[in-house]
Amino acid sequence: MADTVMKAPVLDVVLASGIDAAVGTVSVTFGSIDTKRFQLDFSAQCVPLAIAALSAEMGKLVATLPAEMTPKLQGISITSTQLAMKEDGTVAIFLRLESGAELPLDFRLDDLTRLRQQIDEAVTLADRKTHH
């Protein structure tokens, strides 16, 4: 017999987030397309994979849409960044979000090199757009 999966409504906007330190969970409050509010609680261990899974699936979704149907996205505002070297030799860049939350991104050396090249390209493109 197949496991039952409970289907939630379509969640349309992130309204708030928080933690419950006593039980080690992160909560996100969403608004649905029918304007109801829903709070989802995540154990700390599944948060990084949940973020990665949502990002990966979003990329797949956008790839299926015609260019004129690109969805309007709720933005992520970064207020600061910080570097840290981890014991295993990877480098982490912590992005502090407008909400005060920190999003750690771990990089190997080759990933950092590639990221630097991409940032240099982005700066060049942005500079061209502002000077034309």
N, C-alpha and C. Protein backbone atom coordinates (compact mmCIF):
# COMPACT_ATOMS: atom_id res chain seq x y z
N MET A 1 0.84 -1.18 0.00
CA MET A 1 0.00 0.00 0.00
C MET A 1 0.90 1.25 0.00
N ALA A 2 0.58 2.21 -0.84
CA ALA A 2 1.36 3.44 -0.94
C ALA A 2 1.13 4.34 0.27
N ASP A 3 2.19 5.06 0.66
CA ASP A 3 2.05 6.02 1.75
C ASP A 3 1.18 7.18 1.30
N THR A 4 0.36 7.68 2.22
CA THR A 4 -0.48 8.82 1.92
C THR A 4 0.35 10.10 2.00
N VAL A 5 0.21 10.95 1.01
CA VAL A 5 0.88 12.25 1.01
C VAL A 5 -0.21 13.30 1.13
N MET A 6 -0.09 14.14 2.15
CA MET A 6 -1.07 15.20 2.35
C MET A 6 -0.66 16.41 1.51
N LYS A 7 -1.56 16.88 0.68
CA LYS A 7 -1.28 17.99 -0.23
C LYS A 7 -1.66 19.31 0.43
N ALA A 8 -0.69 20.21 0.46
CA ALA A 8 -0.92 21.55 1.00
C ALA A 8 -1.45 22.44 -0.13
N PRO A 9 -2.02 23.59 0.22
CA PRO A 9 -2.45 24.52 -0.84
C PRO A 9 -1.22 25.14 -1.51
N VAL A 10 -1.43 25.84 -2.60
CA VAL A 10 -0.33 26.53 -3.27
C VAL A 10 0.08 27.71 -2.40
N LEU A 11 1.33 27.71 -1.99
CA LEU A 11 1.88 28.78 -1.15
C LEU A 11 2.46 29.84 -2.07
N ASP A 12 2.07 31.10 -1.86
CA ASP A 12 2.35 32.15 -2.82
C ASP A 12 3.37 33.18 -2.36
N VAL A 13 3.52 33.38 -1.05
CA VAL A 13 4.40 34.42 -0.55
C VAL A 13 4.92 34.03 0.83
N VAL A 14 6.18 34.36 1.10
CA VAL A 14 6.75 34.15 2.43
C VAL A 14 6.43 35.39 3.25
N LEU A 15 5.79 35.18 4.39
CA LEU A 15 5.37 36.30 5.25
C LEU A 15 6.31 36.52 6.43
N ALA A 16 6.86 35.43 6.96
CA ALA A 16 7.72 35.55 8.14
C ALA A 16 8.49 34.25 8.33
N SER A 17 9.50 34.30 9.18
CA SER A 17 10.23 33.10 9.56
C SER A 17 10.66 33.24 11.01
N GLY A 18 10.99 32.10 11.61
CA GLY A 18 11.41 32.13 13.00
C GLY A 18 11.99 30.79 13.40
N ILE A 19 12.34 30.70 14.68
CA ILE A 19 12.89 29.44 15.21
C ILE A 19 12.18 29.08 16.50
N ASP A 20 12.25 27.81 16.83
CA ASP A 20 11.87 27.33 18.16
C ASP A 20 13.10 26.59 18.67
N ALA A 21 13.94 27.31 19.41
CA ALA A 21 15.21 26.76 19.88
C ALA A 21 15.02 25.55 20.78
N ALA A 22 13.93 25.52 21.51
CA ALA A 22 13.69 24.42 22.45
C ALA A 22 13.56 23.07 21.74
N VAL A 23 12.97 23.08 20.55
CA VAL A 23 12.81 21.82 19.81
C VAL A 23 13.71 21.75 18.57
N GLY A 24 14.46 22.83 18.30
CA GLY A 24 15.41 22.82 17.19
C GLY A 24 14.76 22.88 15.83
N THR A 25 13.72 23.72 15.68
CA THR A 25 13.05 23.84 14.40
C THR A 25 13.11 25.26 13.86
N VAL A 26 12.97 25.33 12.56
CA VAL A 26 12.87 26.60 11.85
C VAL A 26 11.47 26.64 11.27
N SER A 27 10.80 27.77 11.43
CA SER A 27 9.45 27.89 10.87
C SER A 27 9.42 28.96 9.80
N VAL A 28 8.56 28.74 8.82
CA VAL A 28 8.32 29.73 7.78
C VAL A 28 6.81 29.87 7.66
N THR A 29 6.36 31.11 7.71
CA THR A 29 4.93 31.39 7.54
C THR A 29 4.71 31.86 6.12
N PHE A 30 3.80 31.18 5.43
CA PHE A 30 3.49 31.46 4.04
C PHE A 30 2.07 31.99 3.91
N GLY A 31 1.84 32.75 2.86
CA GLY A 31 0.49 33.10 2.46
C GLY A 31 0.15 32.26 1.24
N SER A 32 -1.08 31.77 1.20
CA SER A 32 -1.51 30.95 0.07
C SER A 32 -2.22 31.81 -0.97
N ILE A 33 -2.48 31.23 -2.13
CA ILE A 33 -3.15 31.99 -3.19
C ILE A 33 -4.57 32.37 -2.79
N ASP A 34 -5.15 31.66 -1.82
CA ASP A 34 -6.49 32.03 -1.33
C ASP A 34 -6.39 32.89 -0.06
N THR A 35 -5.24 33.53 0.15
CA THR A 35 -4.94 34.49 1.23
C THR A 35 -5.01 33.92 2.64
N LYS A 36 -4.88 32.62 2.79
CA LYS A 36 -4.78 32.02 4.12
C LYS A 36 -3.31 31.96 4.51
N ARG A 37 -3.05 31.82 5.80
CA ARG A 37 -1.67 31.74 6.30
C ARG A 37 -1.39 30.33 6.79
N PHE A 38 -0.19 29.84 6.48
CA PHE A 38 0.23 28.51 6.89
C PHE A 38 1.65 28.59 7.44
N GLN A 39 1.88 27.95 8.58
CA GLN A 39 3.22 27.87 9.14
C GLN A 39 3.72 26.45 8.96
N LEU A 40 4.92 26.32 8.36
CA LEU A 40 5.56 25.03 8.21
C LEU A 40 6.78 25.02 9.11
N ASP A 41 6.94 23.95 9.88
CA ASP A 41 8.08 23.80 10.79
C ASP A 41 9.02 22.75 10.22
N PHE A 42 10.31 23.09 10.15
CA PHE A 42 11.33 22.20 9.60
C PHE A 42 12.34 21.87 10.68
N SER A 43 12.73 20.58 10.76
CA SER A 43 13.84 20.25 11.65
C SER A 43 15.10 20.86 11.05
N ALA A 44 16.04 21.22 11.90
CA ALA A 44 17.27 21.86 11.43
C ALA A 44 18.00 21.01 10.40
N GLN A 45 17.97 19.70 10.57
CA GLN A 45 18.73 18.83 9.66
C GLN A 45 18.21 18.85 8.23
N CYS A 46 16.94 19.16 8.01
CA CYS A 46 16.43 19.11 6.63
C CYS A 46 16.40 20.47 5.94
N VAL A 47 16.72 21.54 6.65
CA VAL A 47 16.64 22.87 6.04
C VAL A 47 17.56 23.03 4.83
N PRO A 48 18.86 22.70 4.91
CA PRO A 48 19.71 22.90 3.73
C PRO A 48 19.23 22.12 2.49
N LEU A 49 18.80 20.89 2.68
CA LEU A 49 18.35 20.10 1.54
C LEU A 49 17.01 20.62 1.02
N ALA A 50 16.14 21.10 1.90
CA ALA A 50 14.87 21.67 1.45
C ALA A 50 15.13 22.89 0.56
N ILE A 51 16.06 23.74 0.98
CA ILE A 51 16.42 24.92 0.18
C ILE A 51 16.98 24.48 -1.17
N ALA A 52 17.89 23.53 -1.16
CA ALA A 52 18.50 23.06 -2.41
C ALA A 52 17.46 22.41 -3.33
N ALA A 53 16.56 21.62 -2.76
CA ALA A 53 15.54 20.95 -3.57
C ALA A 53 14.60 21.97 -4.21
N LEU A 54 14.19 22.96 -3.45
CA LEU A 54 13.31 24.00 -4.00
C LEU A 54 14.02 24.76 -5.12
N SER A 55 15.28 25.09 -4.92
CA SER A 55 16.04 25.81 -5.94
C SER A 55 16.20 24.98 -7.21
N ALA A 56 16.53 23.72 -7.05
CA ALA A 56 16.72 22.84 -8.21
C ALA A 56 15.42 22.68 -9.00
N GLU A 57 14.33 22.46 -8.30
CA GLU A 57 13.04 22.27 -8.98
C GLU A 57 12.57 23.56 -9.62
N MET A 58 12.89 24.71 -9.01
CA MET A 58 12.53 26.00 -9.60
C MET A 58 13.25 26.17 -10.93
N GLY A 59 14.52 25.79 -10.98
CA GLY A 59 15.27 25.86 -12.23
C GLY A 59 14.63 25.02 -13.31
N LYS A 60 14.18 23.84 -12.96
CA LYS A 60 13.50 22.96 -13.92
C LYS A 60 12.19 23.59 -14.40
N LEU A 61 11.43 24.18 -13.48
CA LEU A 61 10.15 24.80 -13.83
C LEU A 61 10.36 25.97 -14.79
N VAL A 62 11.28 26.86 -14.45
CA VAL A 62 11.52 28.03 -15.29
C VAL A 62 11.98 27.61 -16.69
N ALA A 63 12.74 26.53 -16.79
CA ALA A 63 13.22 26.05 -18.09
C ALA A 63 12.07 25.58 -18.99
N THR A 64 10.94 25.23 -18.41
CA THR A 64 9.80 24.76 -19.21
C THR A 64 8.90 25.89 -19.68
N LEU A 65 9.08 27.09 -19.13
CA LEU A 65 8.18 28.21 -19.42
C LEU A 65 8.67 29.03 -20.60
N PRO A 66 7.73 29.55 -21.40
CA PRO A 66 8.12 30.49 -22.45
C PRO A 66 8.70 31.76 -21.81
N ALA A 67 9.58 32.45 -22.51
CA ALA A 67 10.27 33.62 -21.96
C ALA A 67 9.30 34.66 -21.43
N GLU A 68 8.18 34.85 -22.09
CA GLU A 68 7.22 35.87 -21.65
C GLU A 68 6.43 35.46 -20.40
N MET A 69 6.61 34.24 -19.95
CA MET A 69 5.90 33.76 -18.76
C MET A 69 6.83 33.58 -17.56
N THR A 70 7.98 34.22 -17.57
CA THR A 70 8.90 34.13 -16.44
C THR A 70 8.18 34.62 -15.19
N PRO A 71 8.15 33.82 -14.14
CA PRO A 71 7.40 34.22 -12.95
C PRO A 71 8.02 35.42 -12.24
N LYS A 72 7.16 36.22 -11.64
CA LYS A 72 7.61 37.33 -10.81
C LYS A 72 8.07 36.71 -9.50
N LEU A 73 9.31 36.98 -9.10
CA LEU A 73 9.89 36.33 -7.93
C LEU A 73 9.94 37.26 -6.74
N GLN A 74 9.70 36.71 -5.57
CA GLN A 74 9.88 37.47 -4.33
C GLN A 74 11.39 37.52 -4.09
N GLY A 75 11.95 38.70 -3.95
CA GLY A 75 13.40 38.86 -3.84
C GLY A 75 13.96 38.49 -2.48
N ILE A 76 15.26 38.23 -2.46
CA ILE A 76 16.00 37.96 -1.23
C ILE A 76 16.96 39.12 -1.04
N SER A 77 16.80 39.85 0.04
CA SER A 77 17.67 40.99 0.30
C SER A 77 18.80 40.59 1.24
N ILE A 78 20.02 40.81 0.79
CA ILE A 78 21.22 40.50 1.56
C ILE A 78 21.70 41.79 2.21
N THR A 79 21.93 41.75 3.53
CA THR A 79 22.40 42.95 4.22
C THR A 79 23.90 42.92 4.48
N SER A 80 24.51 41.72 4.51
CA SER A 80 25.96 41.63 4.68
C SER A 80 26.44 40.23 4.33
N THR A 81 27.76 40.11 4.18
CA THR A 81 28.38 38.81 3.91
C THR A 81 29.58 38.65 4.84
N GLN A 82 29.95 37.39 5.08
CA GLN A 82 31.13 37.11 5.91
C GLN A 82 31.77 35.82 5.43
N LEU A 83 33.09 35.80 5.39
CA LEU A 83 33.84 34.61 5.00
C LEU A 83 34.28 33.82 6.23
N ALA A 84 34.37 32.51 6.09
CA ALA A 84 34.90 31.66 7.16
C ALA A 84 35.58 30.46 6.54
N MET A 85 36.73 30.07 7.08
CA MET A 85 37.44 28.86 6.65
C MET A 85 37.02 27.73 7.58
N LYS A 86 36.57 26.63 6.98
CA LYS A 86 36.14 25.49 7.79
C LYS A 86 37.32 24.53 7.98
N GLU A 87 37.22 23.67 9.00
CA GLU A 87 38.30 22.74 9.32
C GLU A 87 38.62 21.78 8.18
N ASP A 88 37.62 21.47 7.32
CA ASP A 88 37.86 20.53 6.23
C ASP A 88 38.47 21.20 4.99
N GLY A 89 38.81 22.49 5.08
CA GLY A 89 39.45 23.19 3.98
C GLY A 89 38.50 23.91 3.05
N THR A 90 37.19 23.72 3.24
CA THR A 90 36.24 24.47 2.42
C THR A 90 36.07 25.86 3.00
N VAL A 91 35.61 26.74 2.17
CA VAL A 91 35.35 28.11 2.58
C VAL A 91 33.84 28.30 2.60
N ALA A 92 33.36 28.96 3.62
CA ALA A 92 31.94 29.27 3.70
C ALA A 92 31.75 30.77 3.56
N ILE A 93 30.77 31.14 2.79
CA ILE A 93 30.35 32.53 2.71
C ILE A 93 28.98 32.59 3.37
N PHE A 94 28.88 33.37 4.42
CA PHE A 94 27.61 33.52 5.13
C PHE A 94 26.91 34.75 4.59
N LEU A 95 25.71 34.56 4.09
CA LEU A 95 24.90 35.68 3.63
C LEU A 95 23.91 36.02 4.74
N ARG A 96 23.95 37.24 5.24
CA ARG A 96 22.97 37.67 6.24
C ARG A 96 21.78 38.25 5.49
N LEU A 97 20.63 37.67 5.74
CA LEU A 97 19.42 38.09 5.05
C LEU A 97 18.75 39.24 5.81
N GLU A 98 17.89 39.94 5.13
CA GLU A 98 17.18 41.07 5.72
C GLU A 98 16.46 40.68 7.01
N SER A 99 16.02 39.43 7.09
CA SER A 99 15.31 38.94 8.27
C SER A 99 16.25 38.72 9.46
N GLY A 100 17.57 38.78 9.22
CA GLY A 100 18.54 38.50 10.27
C GLY A 100 19.08 37.08 10.19
N ALA A 101 18.44 36.25 9.40
CA ALA A 101 18.90 34.87 9.23
C ALA A 101 20.20 34.86 8.44
N GLU A 102 21.01 33.82 8.66
CA GLU A 102 22.24 33.64 7.89
C GLU A 102 22.12 32.40 7.03
N LEU A 103 22.56 32.53 5.79
CA LEU A 103 22.54 31.42 4.85
C LEU A 103 23.98 31.06 4.53
N PRO A 104 24.47 29.91 5.03
CA PRO A 104 25.86 29.53 4.75
C PRO A 104 25.98 28.83 3.40
N LEU A 105 26.95 29.26 2.61
CA LEU A 105 27.24 28.62 1.33
C LEU A 105 28.66 28.08 1.41
N ASP A 106 28.84 26.77 1.24
CA ASP A 106 30.15 26.13 1.32
C ASP A 106 30.73 25.96 -0.08
N PHE A 107 32.02 26.28 -0.22
CA PHE A 107 32.69 26.21 -1.52
C PHE A 107 34.02 25.48 -1.42
N ARG A 108 34.32 24.67 -2.44
CA ARG A 108 35.67 24.13 -2.62
C ARG A 108 36.45 25.15 -3.44
N LEU A 109 37.77 25.02 -3.49
CA LEU A 109 38.62 25.98 -4.18
C LEU A 109 38.21 26.16 -5.64
N ASP A 110 37.97 25.05 -6.37
CA ASP A 110 37.61 25.19 -7.78
C ASP A 110 36.27 25.90 -7.95
N ASP A 111 35.35 25.68 -7.01
CA ASP A 111 34.07 26.39 -7.07
C ASP A 111 34.26 27.89 -6.82
N LEU A 112 35.16 28.23 -5.89
CA LEU A 112 35.44 29.65 -5.62
C LEU A 112 36.05 30.34 -6.83
N THR A 113 36.96 29.63 -7.51
CA THR A 113 37.59 30.19 -8.70
C THR A 113 36.54 30.47 -9.77
N ARG A 114 35.66 29.51 -9.98
CA ARG A 114 34.59 29.67 -10.97
C ARG A 114 33.64 30.81 -10.55
N LEU A 115 33.32 30.89 -9.26
CA LEU A 115 32.45 31.95 -8.76
C LEU A 115 33.09 33.33 -8.99
N ARG A 116 34.40 33.44 -8.74
CA ARG A 116 35.10 34.71 -8.97
C ARG A 116 34.98 35.13 -10.43
N GLN A 117 35.17 34.18 -11.34
CA GLN A 117 35.05 34.50 -12.76
C GLN A 117 33.64 34.97 -13.10
N GLN A 118 32.64 34.31 -12.53
CA GLN A 118 31.26 34.69 -12.81
C GLN A 118 30.93 36.06 -12.21
N ILE A 119 31.45 36.35 -11.03
CA ILE A 119 31.23 37.67 -10.43
C ILE A 119 31.90 38.74 -11.26
N ASP A 120 33.13 38.48 -11.74
CA ASP A 120 33.82 39.43 -12.60
C ASP A 120 33.00 39.71 -13.87
N GLU A 121 32.43 38.65 -14.45
CA GLU A 121 31.59 38.81 -15.64
C GLU A 121 30.35 39.64 -15.30
N ALA A 122 29.74 39.38 -14.15
CA ALA A 122 28.54 40.12 -13.74
C ALA A 122 28.85 41.59 -13.54
N VAL A 123 29.98 41.89 -12.92
CA VAL A 123 30.39 43.29 -12.71
C VAL A 123 30.60 43.97 -14.05
N THR A 124 31.26 43.30 -14.98
CA THR A 124 31.49 43.87 -16.31
C THR A 124 30.16 44.15 -17.01
N LEU A 125 29.24 43.20 -16.96
CA LEU A 125 27.93 43.40 -17.59
C LEU A 125 27.17 44.54 -16.94
N ALA A 126 27.17 44.59 -15.61
CA ALA A 126 26.47 45.65 -14.90
C ALA A 126 27.09 47.01 -15.20
N ASP A 127 28.40 47.06 -15.30
CA ASP A 127 29.09 48.31 -15.60
C ASP A 127 28.72 48.81 -16.99
N ARG A 128 28.64 47.89 -17.95
CA ARG A 128 28.26 48.27 -19.31
C ARG A 128 26.84 48.84 -19.34
N LYS A 129 25.94 48.23 -18.59
CA LYS A 129 24.54 48.68 -18.59
C LYS A 129 24.41 50.07 -17.97
N THR A 130 25.22 50.38 -16.96
CA THR A 130 25.09 51.67 -16.29
C THR A 130 25.80 52.79 -17.04
N HIS A 131 26.68 52.45 -17.98
CA HIS A 131 27.42 53.47 -18.72
C HIS A 131 26.95 53.62 -20.16
N HIS A 132 25.79 53.13 -20.48
CA HIS A 132 25.27 53.30 -21.86
C HIS A 132 24.08 54.20 -21.87
